[in-house]
Amino acid sequence: MGTPYMSKLEIVVGDCIKSDFPDFDVCVANMPYQISSPFVFKLLLHRKFRCAVLMFQKEFAERLYAKPGDKLYCRLSANTQSWRELLTFLKLEKTTSNHR
């Protein structure tokens, strides 16, 4: 049962910060706030991927997008923007999710 694309999908369950990344070219993740920054830095070091679709809390995403001179601009902003193009596809409202 499944689709012809099943063989192209691998779901990795575990601590992504402590584990080595397998080879991949696309990453899809809904990140908890507590590990968002370490995950992004680790992902940037991986460099072998072509696309990442990541969901972050608004406060964290604002740090990613901050520009030089902005109050939120930091090492995370500089590294992310120098290595990858950032695009926002969707902003979810708090009422969209049932996470507490």
PDB file of N, CA and C in Angstrom:
ATOM      1  N   MET A   1       0.838  -1.176   0.000  1.00  0.00           N
ATOM      2  CA  MET A   1       0.000   0.000   0.000  1.00  0.00           C
ATOM      3  C   MET A   1       0.883   1.240   0.000  1.00  0.00           C
ATOM      4  N   GLY A   2       0.411   2.321  -0.567  1.00  0.00           N
ATOM      5  CA  GLY A   2       1.162   3.555  -0.627  1.00  0.00           C
ATOM      6  C   GLY A   2       1.204   4.094  -2.036  1.00  0.00           C
ATOM      7  N   THR A   3       2.170   4.973  -2.276  1.00  0.00           N
ATOM      8  CA  THR A   3       2.307   5.595  -3.588  1.00  0.00           C
ATOM      9  C   THR A   3       3.676   5.258  -4.161  1.00  0.00           C
ATOM     10  N   PRO A   4       3.880   5.543  -5.440  1.00  0.00           N
ATOM     11  CA  PRO A   4       5.196   5.300  -6.042  1.00  0.00           C
ATOM     12  C   PRO A   4       6.297   6.153  -5.402  1.00  0.00           C
ATOM     13  N   TYR A   5       5.898   7.233  -4.715  1.00  0.00           N
ATOM     14  CA  TYR A   5       6.890   8.123  -4.108  1.00  0.00           C
ATOM     15  C   TYR A   5       7.331   7.675  -2.712  1.00  0.00           C
ATOM     16  N   MET A   6       6.693   6.661  -2.170  1.00  0.00           N
ATOM     17  CA  MET A   6       7.043   6.213  -0.814  1.00  0.00           C
ATOM     18  C   MET A   6       8.514   5.877  -0.671  1.00  0.00           C
ATOM     19  N   SER A   7       9.105   5.297  -1.685  1.00  0.00           N
ATOM     20  CA  SER A   7      10.508   4.909  -1.607  1.00  0.00           C
ATOM     21  C   SER A   7      11.436   6.120  -1.562  1.00  0.00           C
ATOM     22  N   LYS A   8      10.925   7.289  -1.885  1.00  0.00           N
ATOM     23  CA  LYS A   8      11.732   8.510  -1.888  1.00  0.00           C
ATOM     24  C   LYS A   8      11.619   9.281  -0.574  1.00  0.00           C
ATOM     25  N   LEU A   9      10.802   8.811   0.335  1.00  0.00           N
ATOM     26  CA  LEU A   9      10.569   9.500   1.595  1.00  0.00           C
ATOM     27  C   LEU A   9      11.136   8.691   2.748  1.00  0.00           C
ATOM     28  N   GLU A  10      11.910   9.372   3.566  1.00  0.00           N
ATOM     29  CA  GLU A  10      12.402   8.740   4.783  1.00  0.00           C
ATOM     30  C   GLU A  10      12.050   9.652   5.947  1.00  0.00           C
ATOM     31  N   ILE A  11      11.342   9.134   6.903  1.00  0.00           N
ATOM     32  CA  ILE A  11      10.993   9.894   8.104  1.00  0.00           C
ATOM     33  C   ILE A  11      11.974   9.488   9.190  1.00  0.00           C
ATOM     34  N   VAL A  12      12.671  10.467   9.712  1.00  0.00           N
ATOM     35  CA  VAL A  12      13.673  10.218  10.738  1.00  0.00           C
ATOM     36  C   VAL A  12      13.114  10.716  12.061  1.00  0.00           C
ATOM     37  N   VAL A  13      13.024   9.828  13.024  1.00  0.00           N
ATOM     38  CA  VAL A  13      12.505  10.171  14.342  1.00  0.00           C
ATOM     39  C   VAL A  13      13.660  10.105  15.336  1.00  0.00           C
ATOM     40  N   GLY A  14      13.800  11.131  16.130  1.00  0.00           N
ATOM     41  CA  GLY A  14      14.865  11.134  17.126  1.00  0.00           C
ATOM     42  C   GLY A  14      15.276  12.559  17.430  1.00  0.00           C
ATOM     43  N   ASP A  15      16.346  12.684  18.186  1.00  0.00           N
ATOM     44  CA  ASP A  15      16.871  13.985  18.573  1.00  0.00           C
ATOM     45  C   ASP A  15      17.759  14.511  17.450  1.00  0.00           C
ATOM     46  N   CYS A  16      17.245  15.438  16.686  1.00  0.00           N
ATOM     47  CA  CYS A  16      17.969  15.938  15.510  1.00  0.00           C
ATOM     48  C   CYS A  16      19.199  16.752  15.890  1.00  0.00           C
ATOM     49  N   ILE A  17      19.260  17.253  17.088  1.00  0.00           N
ATOM     50  CA  ILE A  17      20.418  18.035  17.509  1.00  0.00           C
ATOM     51  C   ILE A  17      21.583  17.107  17.855  1.00  0.00           C
ATOM     52  N   LYS A  18      21.289  15.969  18.465  1.00  0.00           N
ATOM     53  CA  LYS A  18      22.337  15.020  18.872  1.00  0.00           C
ATOM     54  C   LYS A  18      22.722  14.044  17.764  1.00  0.00           C
ATOM     55  N   SER A  19      21.862  13.859  16.786  1.00  0.00           N
ATOM     56  CA  SER A  19      22.099  12.868  15.728  1.00  0.00           C
ATOM     57  C   SER A  19      22.768  13.511  14.520  1.00  0.00           C
ATOM     58  N   ASP A  20      23.490  12.681  13.772  1.00  0.00           N
ATOM     59  CA  ASP A  20      24.027  13.137  12.497  1.00  0.00           C
ATOM     60  C   ASP A  20      22.900  13.175  11.482  1.00  0.00           C
ATOM     61  N   PHE A  21      22.924  14.178  10.624  1.00  0.00           N
ATOM     62  CA  PHE A  21      21.923  14.232   9.556  1.00  0.00           C
ATOM     63  C   PHE A  21      22.263  13.198   8.490  1.00  0.00           C
ATOM     64  N   PRO A  22      21.263  12.485   8.004  1.00  0.00           N
ATOM     65  CA  PRO A  22      21.508  11.613   6.845  1.00  0.00           C
ATOM     66  C   PRO A  22      21.616  12.495   5.597  1.00  0.00           C
ATOM     67  N   ASP A  23      22.022  11.918   4.475  1.00  0.00           N
ATOM     68  CA  ASP A  23      22.020  12.680   3.226  1.00  0.00           C
ATOM     69  C   ASP A  23      20.577  12.966   2.835  1.00  0.00           C
ATOM     70  N   PHE A  24      20.294  14.195   2.469  1.00  0.00           N
ATOM     71  CA  PHE A  24      18.951  14.579   2.018  1.00  0.00           C
ATOM     72  C   PHE A  24      19.065  15.830   1.175  1.00  0.00           C
ATOM     73  N   ASP A  25      18.033  16.086   0.385  1.00  0.00           N
ATOM     74  CA  ASP A  25      18.020  17.338  -0.369  1.00  0.00           C
ATOM     75  C   ASP A  25      16.818  18.212  -0.026  1.00  0.00           C
ATOM     76  N   VAL A  26      15.844  17.665   0.714  1.00  0.00           N
ATOM     77  CA  VAL A  26      14.686  18.433   1.159  1.00  0.00           C
ATOM     78  C   VAL A  26      14.444  18.116   2.637  1.00  0.00           C
ATOM     79  N   CYS A  27      14.181  19.155   3.407  1.00  0.00           N
ATOM     80  CA  CYS A  27      13.891  18.987   4.835  1.00  0.00           C
ATOM     81  C   CYS A  27      12.550  19.660   5.125  1.00  0.00           C
ATOM     82  N   VAL A  28      11.674  18.958   5.835  1.00  0.00           N
ATOM     83  CA  VAL A  28      10.396  19.510   6.260  1.00  0.00           C
ATOM     84  C   VAL A  28      10.313  19.297   7.767  1.00  0.00           C
ATOM     85  N   ALA A  29      10.081  20.383   8.517  1.00  0.00           N
ATOM     86  CA  ALA A  29      10.061  20.252   9.976  1.00  0.00           C
ATOM     87  C   ALA A  29       9.204  21.339  10.617  1.00  0.00           C
ATOM     88  N   ASN A  30       8.565  20.978  11.712  1.00  0.00           N
ATOM     89  CA  ASN A  30       7.839  21.902  12.569  1.00  0.00           C
ATOM     90  C   ASN A  30       8.644  21.942  13.862  1.00  0.00           C
ATOM     91  N   MET A  31       9.412  23.012  14.046  1.00  0.00           N
ATOM     92  CA  MET A  31      10.393  23.045  15.121  1.00  0.00           C
ATOM     93  C   MET A  31       9.863  23.625  16.426  1.00  0.00           C
ATOM     94  N   PRO A  32      10.153  22.949  17.538  1.00  0.00           N
ATOM     95  CA  PRO A  32       9.860  23.550  18.839  1.00  0.00           C
ATOM     96  C   PRO A  32      10.796  24.746  19.070  1.00  0.00           C
ATOM     97  N   TYR A  33      10.307  25.754  19.742  1.00  0.00           N
ATOM     98  CA  TYR A  33      11.071  26.986  19.946  1.00  0.00           C
ATOM     99  C   TYR A  33      12.430  26.718  20.595  1.00  0.00           C
ATOM    100  N   GLN A  34      12.471  25.802  21.554  1.00  0.00           N
ATOM    101  CA  GLN A  34      13.685  25.563  22.341  1.00  0.00           C
ATOM    102  C   GLN A  34      14.868  25.090  21.497  1.00  0.00           C
ATOM    103  N   ILE A  35      14.621  24.423  20.372  1.00  0.00           N
ATOM    104  CA  ILE A  35      15.738  23.920  19.570  1.00  0.00           C
ATOM    105  C   ILE A  35      15.812  24.568  18.188  1.00  0.00           C
ATOM    106  N   SER A  36      15.022  25.586  17.950  1.00  0.00           N
ATOM    107  CA  SER A  36      15.000  26.218  16.631  1.00  0.00           C
ATOM    108  C   SER A  36      16.368  26.757  16.224  1.00  0.00           C
ATOM    109  N   SER A  37      17.019  27.495  17.099  1.00  0.00           N
ATOM    110  CA  SER A  37      18.306  28.094  16.766  1.00  0.00           C
ATOM    111  C   SER A  37      19.389  27.030  16.544  1.00  0.00           C
ATOM    112  N   PRO A  38      19.584  26.074  17.462  1.00  0.00           N
ATOM    113  CA  PRO A  38      20.592  25.038  17.200  1.00  0.00           C
ATOM    114  C   PRO A  38      20.298  24.247  15.929  1.00  0.00           C
ATOM    115  N   PHE A  39      19.019  24.008  15.645  1.00  0.00           N
ATOM    116  CA  PHE A  39      18.658  23.273  14.436  1.00  0.00           C
ATOM    117  C   PHE A  39      19.047  24.049  13.178  1.00  0.00           C
ATOM    118  N   VAL A  40      18.735  25.335  13.137  1.00  0.00           N
ATOM    119  CA  VAL A  40      19.054  26.144  11.960  1.00  0.00           C
ATOM    120  C   VAL A  40      20.564  26.185  11.737  1.00  0.00           C
ATOM    121  N   PHE A  41      21.345  26.398  12.791  1.00  0.00           N
ATOM    122  CA  PHE A  41      22.800  26.421  12.635  1.00  0.00           C
ATOM    123  C   PHE A  41      23.310  25.069  12.120  1.00  0.00           C
ATOM    124  N   LYS A  42      22.778  23.981  12.644  1.00  0.00           N
ATOM    125  CA  LYS A  42      23.196  22.658  12.188  1.00  0.00           C
ATOM    126  C   LYS A  42      22.777  22.432  10.731  1.00  0.00           C
ATOM    127  N   LEU A  43      21.585  22.858  10.385  1.00  0.00           N
ATOM    128  CA  LEU A  43      21.105  22.714   9.012  1.00  0.00           C
ATOM    129  C   LEU A  43      21.981  23.521   8.045  1.00  0.00           C
ATOM    130  N   LEU A  44      22.364  24.722   8.431  1.00  0.00           N
ATOM    131  CA  LEU A  44      23.222  25.542   7.570  1.00  0.00           C
ATOM    132  C   LEU A  44      24.581  24.884   7.344  1.00  0.00           C
ATOM    133  N   LEU A  45      25.092  24.195   8.339  1.00  0.00           N
ATOM    134  CA  LEU A  45      26.372  23.494   8.191  1.00  0.00           C
ATOM    135  C   LEU A  45      26.253  22.294   7.253  1.00  0.00           C
ATOM    136  N   HIS A  46      25.080  21.718   7.163  1.00  0.00           N
ATOM    137  CA  HIS A  46      24.852  20.540   6.313  1.00  0.00           C
ATOM    138  C   HIS A  46      25.075  20.890   4.846  1.00  0.00           C
ATOM    139  N   ARG A  47      24.549  21.993   4.391  1.00  0.00           N
ATOM    140  CA  ARG A  47      24.750  22.599   3.070  1.00  0.00           C
ATOM    141  C   ARG A  47      24.414  21.724   1.867  1.00  0.00           C
ATOM    142  N   LYS A  48      24.080  20.478   2.044  1.00  0.00           N
ATOM    143  CA  LYS A  48      23.819  19.606   0.899  1.00  0.00           C
ATOM    144  C   LYS A  48      22.357  19.609   0.472  1.00  0.00           C
ATOM    145  N   PHE A  49      21.515  20.369   1.136  1.00  0.00           N
ATOM    146  CA  PHE A  49      20.094  20.360   0.815  1.00  0.00           C
ATOM    147  C   PHE A  49      19.752  21.500  -0.150  1.00  0.00           C
ATOM    148  N   ARG A  50      18.707  21.295  -0.939  1.00  0.00           N
ATOM    149  CA  ARG A  50      18.290  22.339  -1.877  1.00  0.00           C
ATOM    150  C   ARG A  50      17.116  23.136  -1.342  1.00  0.00           C
ATOM    151  N   CYS A  51      16.350  22.556  -0.406  1.00  0.00           N
ATOM    152  CA  CYS A  51      15.148  23.225   0.063  1.00  0.00           C
ATOM    153  C   CYS A  51      14.806  22.751   1.478  1.00  0.00           C
ATOM    154  N   ALA A  52      14.349  23.681   2.294  1.00  0.00           N
ATOM    155  CA  ALA A  52      13.846  23.341   3.627  1.00  0.00           C
ATOM    156  C   ALA A  52      12.537  24.092   3.837  1.00  0.00           C
ATOM    157  N   VAL A  53      11.516  23.363   4.229  1.00  0.00           N
ATOM    158  CA  VAL A  53      10.223  23.961   4.572  1.00  0.00           C
ATOM    159  C   VAL A  53      10.092  23.806   6.079  1.00  0.00           C
ATOM    160  N   LEU A  54      10.223  24.913   6.777  1.00  0.00           N
ATOM    161  CA  LEU A  54      10.305  24.876   8.235  1.00  0.00           C
ATOM    162  C   LEU A  54       9.231  25.755   8.852  1.00  0.00           C
ATOM    163  N   MET A  55       8.645  25.276   9.927  1.00  0.00           N
ATOM    164  CA  MET A  55       7.655  26.063  10.657  1.00  0.00           C
ATOM    165  C   MET A  55       8.275  26.467  11.992  1.00  0.00           C
ATOM    166  N   PHE A  56       8.275  27.793  12.226  1.00  0.00           N
ATOM    167  CA  PHE A  56       8.820  28.338  13.465  1.00  0.00           C
ATOM    168  C   PHE A  56       7.786  29.233  14.129  1.00  0.00           C
ATOM    169  N   GLN A  57       7.975  29.470  15.414  1.00  0.00           N
ATOM    170  CA  GLN A  57       7.155  30.460  16.097  1.00  0.00           C
ATOM    171  C   GLN A  57       7.499  31.840  15.534  1.00  0.00           C
ATOM    172  N   LYS A  58       6.542  32.726  15.561  1.00  0.00           N
ATOM    173  CA  LYS A  58       6.683  34.062  14.980  1.00  0.00           C
ATOM    174  C   LYS A  58       7.920  34.786  15.518  1.00  0.00           C
ATOM    175  N   GLU A  59       8.156  34.718  16.816  1.00  0.00           N
ATOM    176  CA  GLU A  59       9.273  35.433  17.424  1.00  0.00           C
ATOM    177  C   GLU A  59      10.610  34.948  16.859  1.00  0.00           C
ATOM    178  N   PHE A  60      10.706  33.664  16.635  1.00  0.00           N
ATOM    179  CA  PHE A  60      11.944  33.121  16.074  1.00  0.00           C
ATOM    180  C   PHE A  60      12.093  33.527  14.610  1.00  0.00           C
ATOM    181  N   ALA A  61      11.026  33.438  13.847  1.00  0.00           N
ATOM    182  CA  ALA A  61      11.061  33.815  12.433  1.00  0.00           C
ATOM    183  C   ALA A  61      11.445  35.288  12.278  1.00  0.00           C
ATOM    184  N   GLU A  62      10.989  36.133  13.174  1.00  0.00           N
ATOM    185  CA  GLU A  62      11.342  37.551  13.114  1.00  0.00           C
ATOM    186  C   GLU A  62      12.848  37.744  13.274  1.00  0.00           C
ATOM    187  N   ARG A  63      13.479  36.915  14.101  1.00  0.00           N
ATOM    188  CA  ARG A  63      14.938  36.978  14.247  1.00  0.00           C
ATOM    189  C   ARG A  63      15.629  36.532  12.961  1.00  0.00           C
ATOM    190  N   LEU A  64      15.085  35.512  12.292  1.00  0.00           N
ATOM    191  CA  LEU A  64      15.678  35.046  11.030  1.00  0.00           C
ATOM    192  C   LEU A  64      15.666  36.146   9.974  1.00  0.00           C
ATOM    193  N   TYR A  65      14.576  36.897   9.912  1.00  0.00           N
ATOM    194  CA  TYR A  65      14.372  37.911   8.880  1.00  0.00           C
ATOM    195  C   TYR A  65      14.930  39.291   9.228  1.00  0.00           C
ATOM    196  N   ALA A  66      15.394  39.474  10.460  1.00  0.00           N
ATOM    197  CA  ALA A  66      15.869  40.795  10.886  1.00  0.00           C
ATOM    198  C   ALA A  66      17.030  41.271  10.009  1.00  0.00           C
ATOM    199  N   LYS A  67      17.065  42.564   9.757  1.00  0.00           N
ATOM    200  CA  LYS A  67      18.094  43.188   8.921  1.00  0.00           C
ATOM    201  C   LYS A  67      19.097  43.926   9.804  1.00  0.00           C
ATOM    202  N   PRO A  68      20.318  44.164   9.292  1.00  0.00           N
ATOM    203  CA  PRO A  68      21.300  44.931  10.074  1.00  0.00           C
ATOM    204  C   PRO A  68      20.694  46.254  10.545  1.00  0.00           C
ATOM    205  N   GLY A  69      20.916  46.552  11.806  1.00  0.00           N
ATOM    206  CA  GLY A  69      20.352  47.758  12.410  1.00  0.00           C
ATOM    207  C   GLY A  69      19.052  47.496  13.148  1.00  0.00           C
ATOM    208  N   ASP A  70      18.350  46.402  12.823  1.00  0.00           N
ATOM    209  CA  ASP A  70      17.129  46.040  13.550  1.00  0.00           C
ATOM    210  C   ASP A  70      17.482  45.566  14.953  1.00  0.00           C
ATOM    211  N   LYS A  71      16.578  45.781  15.881  1.00  0.00           N
ATOM    212  CA  LYS A  71      16.788  45.355  17.262  1.00  0.00           C
ATOM    213  C   LYS A  71      16.988  43.836  17.358  1.00  0.00           C
ATOM    214  N   LEU A  72      16.319  43.073  16.498  1.00  0.00           N
ATOM    215  CA  LEU A  72      16.384  41.614  16.559  1.00  0.00           C
ATOM    216  C   LEU A  72      17.532  41.013  15.734  1.00  0.00           C
ATOM    217  N   TYR A  73      18.268  41.832  15.001  1.00  0.00           N
ATOM    218  CA  TYR A  73      19.360  41.326  14.161  1.00  0.00           C
ATOM    219  C   TYR A  73      20.430  40.695  15.043  1.00  0.00           C
ATOM    220  N   CYS A  74      20.874  39.509  14.652  1.00  0.00           N
ATOM    221  CA  CYS A  74      21.835  38.766  15.463  1.00  0.00           C
ATOM    222  C   CYS A  74      22.645  37.829  14.564  1.00  0.00           C
ATOM    223  N   ARG A  75      23.505  37.051  15.179  1.00  0.00           N
ATOM    224  CA  ARG A  75      24.335  36.080  14.452  1.00  0.00           C
ATOM    225  C   ARG A  75      23.477  35.128  13.641  1.00  0.00           C
ATOM    226  N   LEU A  76      22.342  34.721  14.182  1.00  0.00           N
ATOM    227  CA  LEU A  76      21.418  33.839  13.478  1.00  0.00           C
ATOM    228  C   LEU A  76      20.920  34.491  12.190  1.00  0.00           C
ATOM    229  N   SER A  77      20.514  35.737  12.272  1.00  0.00           N
ATOM    230  CA  SER A  77      20.036  36.474  11.091  1.00  0.00           C
ATOM    231  C   SER A  77      21.123  36.543  10.025  1.00  0.00           C
ATOM    232  N   ALA A  78      22.309  36.944  10.433  1.00  0.00           N
ATOM    233  CA  ALA A  78      23.422  37.124   9.491  1.00  0.00           C
ATOM    234  C   ALA A  78      23.793  35.816   8.813  1.00  0.00           C
ATOM    235  N   ASN A  79      23.946  34.748   9.580  1.00  0.00           N
ATOM    236  CA  ASN A  79      24.334  33.456   8.997  1.00  0.00           C
ATOM    237  C   ASN A  79      23.263  32.911   8.075  1.00  0.00           C
ATOM    238  N   THR A  80      22.026  32.965   8.499  1.00  0.00           N
ATOM    239  CA  THR A  80      20.946  32.409   7.697  1.00  0.00           C
ATOM    240  C   THR A  80      20.814  33.166   6.383  1.00  0.00           C
ATOM    241  N   GLN A  81      20.815  34.476   6.441  1.00  0.00           N
ATOM    242  CA  GLN A  81      20.628  35.284   5.239  1.00  0.00           C
ATOM    243  C   GLN A  81      21.828  35.228   4.295  1.00  0.00           C
ATOM    244  N   SER A  82      23.014  34.945   4.823  1.00  0.00           N
ATOM    245  CA  SER A  82      24.185  34.879   3.945  1.00  0.00           C
ATOM    246  C   SER A  82      24.285  33.532   3.231  1.00  0.00           C
ATOM    247  N   TRP A  83      23.667  32.494   3.777  1.00  0.00           N
ATOM    248  CA  TRP A  83      23.762  31.160   3.171  1.00  0.00           C
ATOM    249  C   TRP A  83      22.526  30.735   2.402  1.00  0.00           C
ATOM    250  N   ARG A  84      21.357  31.249   2.740  1.00  0.00           N
ATOM    251  CA  ARG A  84      20.113  30.783   2.119  1.00  0.00           C
ATOM    252  C   ARG A  84      19.168  31.940   1.848  1.00  0.00           C
ATOM    253  N   GLU A  85      18.308  31.747   0.864  1.00  0.00           N
ATOM    254  CA  GLU A  85      17.236  32.698   0.588  1.00  0.00           C
ATOM    255  C   GLU A  85      16.058  32.336   1.487  1.00  0.00           C
ATOM    256  N   LEU A  86      15.528  33.316   2.178  1.00  0.00           N
ATOM    257  CA  LEU A  86      14.393  33.086   3.070  1.00  0.00           C
ATOM    258  C   LEU A  86      13.106  33.536   2.403  1.00  0.00           C
ATOM    259  N   LEU A  87      12.108  32.695   2.447  1.00  0.00           N
ATOM    260  CA  LEU A  87      10.796  33.027   1.906  1.00  0.00           C
ATOM    261  C   LEU A  87       9.734  32.693   2.944  1.00  0.00           C
ATOM    262  N   THR A  88       8.749  33.556   3.078  1.00  0.00           N
ATOM    263  CA  THR A  88       7.617  33.277   3.954  1.00  0.00           C
ATOM    264  C   THR A  88       6.453  32.859   3.073  1.00  0.00           C
ATOM    265  N   PHE A  89       5.924  31.691   3.339  1.00  0.00           N
ATOM    266  CA  PHE A  89       4.795  31.211   2.560  1.00  0.00           C
ATOM    267  C   PHE A  89       3.474  31.422   3.269  1.00  0.00           C
ATOM    268  N   LEU A  90       3.487  31.312   4.574  1.00  0.00           N
ATOM    269  CA  LEU A  90       2.228  31.313   5.294  1.00  0.00           C
ATOM    270  C   LEU A  90       2.458  31.746   6.730  1.00  0.00           C
ATOM    271  N   LYS A  91       1.596  32.590   7.216  1.00  0.00           N
ATOM    272  CA  LYS A  91       1.604  32.967   8.627  1.00  0.00           C
ATOM    273  C   LYS A  91       0.341  32.402   9.233  1.00  0.00           C
ATOM    274  N   LEU A  92       0.503  31.540  10.216  1.00  0.00           N
ATOM    275  CA  LEU A  92      -0.652  30.919  10.872  1.00  0.00           C
ATOM    276  C   LEU A  92      -1.048  31.711  12.106  1.00  0.00           C
ATOM    277  N   GLU A  93      -2.311  31.834  12.314  1.00  0.00           N
ATOM    278  CA  GLU A  93      -2.824  32.477  13.526  1.00  0.00           C
ATOM    279  C   GLU A  93      -2.831  31.455  14.657  1.00  0.00           C
ATOM    280  N   LYS A  94      -2.817  31.934  15.882  1.00  0.00           N
ATOM    281  CA  LYS A  94      -2.838  31.031  17.036  1.00  0.00           C
ATOM    282  C   LYS A  94      -4.042  30.108  17.022  1.00  0.00           C
ATOM    283  N   THR A  95      -5.134  30.564  16.483  1.00  0.00           N
ATOM    284  CA  THR A  95      -6.359  29.747  16.462  1.00  0.00           C
ATOM    285  C   THR A  95      -6.282  28.626  15.434  1.00  0.00           C
ATOM    286  N   THR A  96      -5.258  28.639  14.556  1.00  0.00           N
ATOM    287  CA  THR A  96      -5.106  27.624  13.527  1.00  0.00           C
ATOM    288  C   THR A  96      -4.648  26.292  14.125  1.00  0.00           C
ATOM    289  N   SER A  97      -3.916  26.366  15.209  1.00  0.00           N
ATOM    290  CA  SER A  97      -3.313  25.174  15.811  1.00  0.00           C
ATOM    291  C   SER A  97      -3.994  24.826  17.114  1.00  0.00           C
ATOM    292  N   ASN A  98      -3.983  23.540  17.442  1.00  0.00           N
ATOM    293  CA  ASN A  98      -4.536  23.134  18.735  1.00  0.00           C
ATOM    294  C   ASN A  98      -3.429  22.817  19.728  1.00  0.00           C
ATOM    295  N   HIS A  99      -2.168  23.190  19.420  1.00  0.00           N
ATOM    296  CA  HIS A  99      -1.055  22.986  20.350  1.00  0.00           C
ATOM    297  C   HIS A  99      -1.209  23.917  21.536  1.00  0.00           C
ATOM    298  N   ARG A 100      -0.854  23.439  22.684  1.00  0.00           N
ATOM    299  CA  ARG A 100      -0.932  24.257  23.905  1.00  0.00           C
ATOM    300  C   ARG A 100       0.424  24.399  24.536  1.00  0.00           C
TER     301      ARG A 100
END
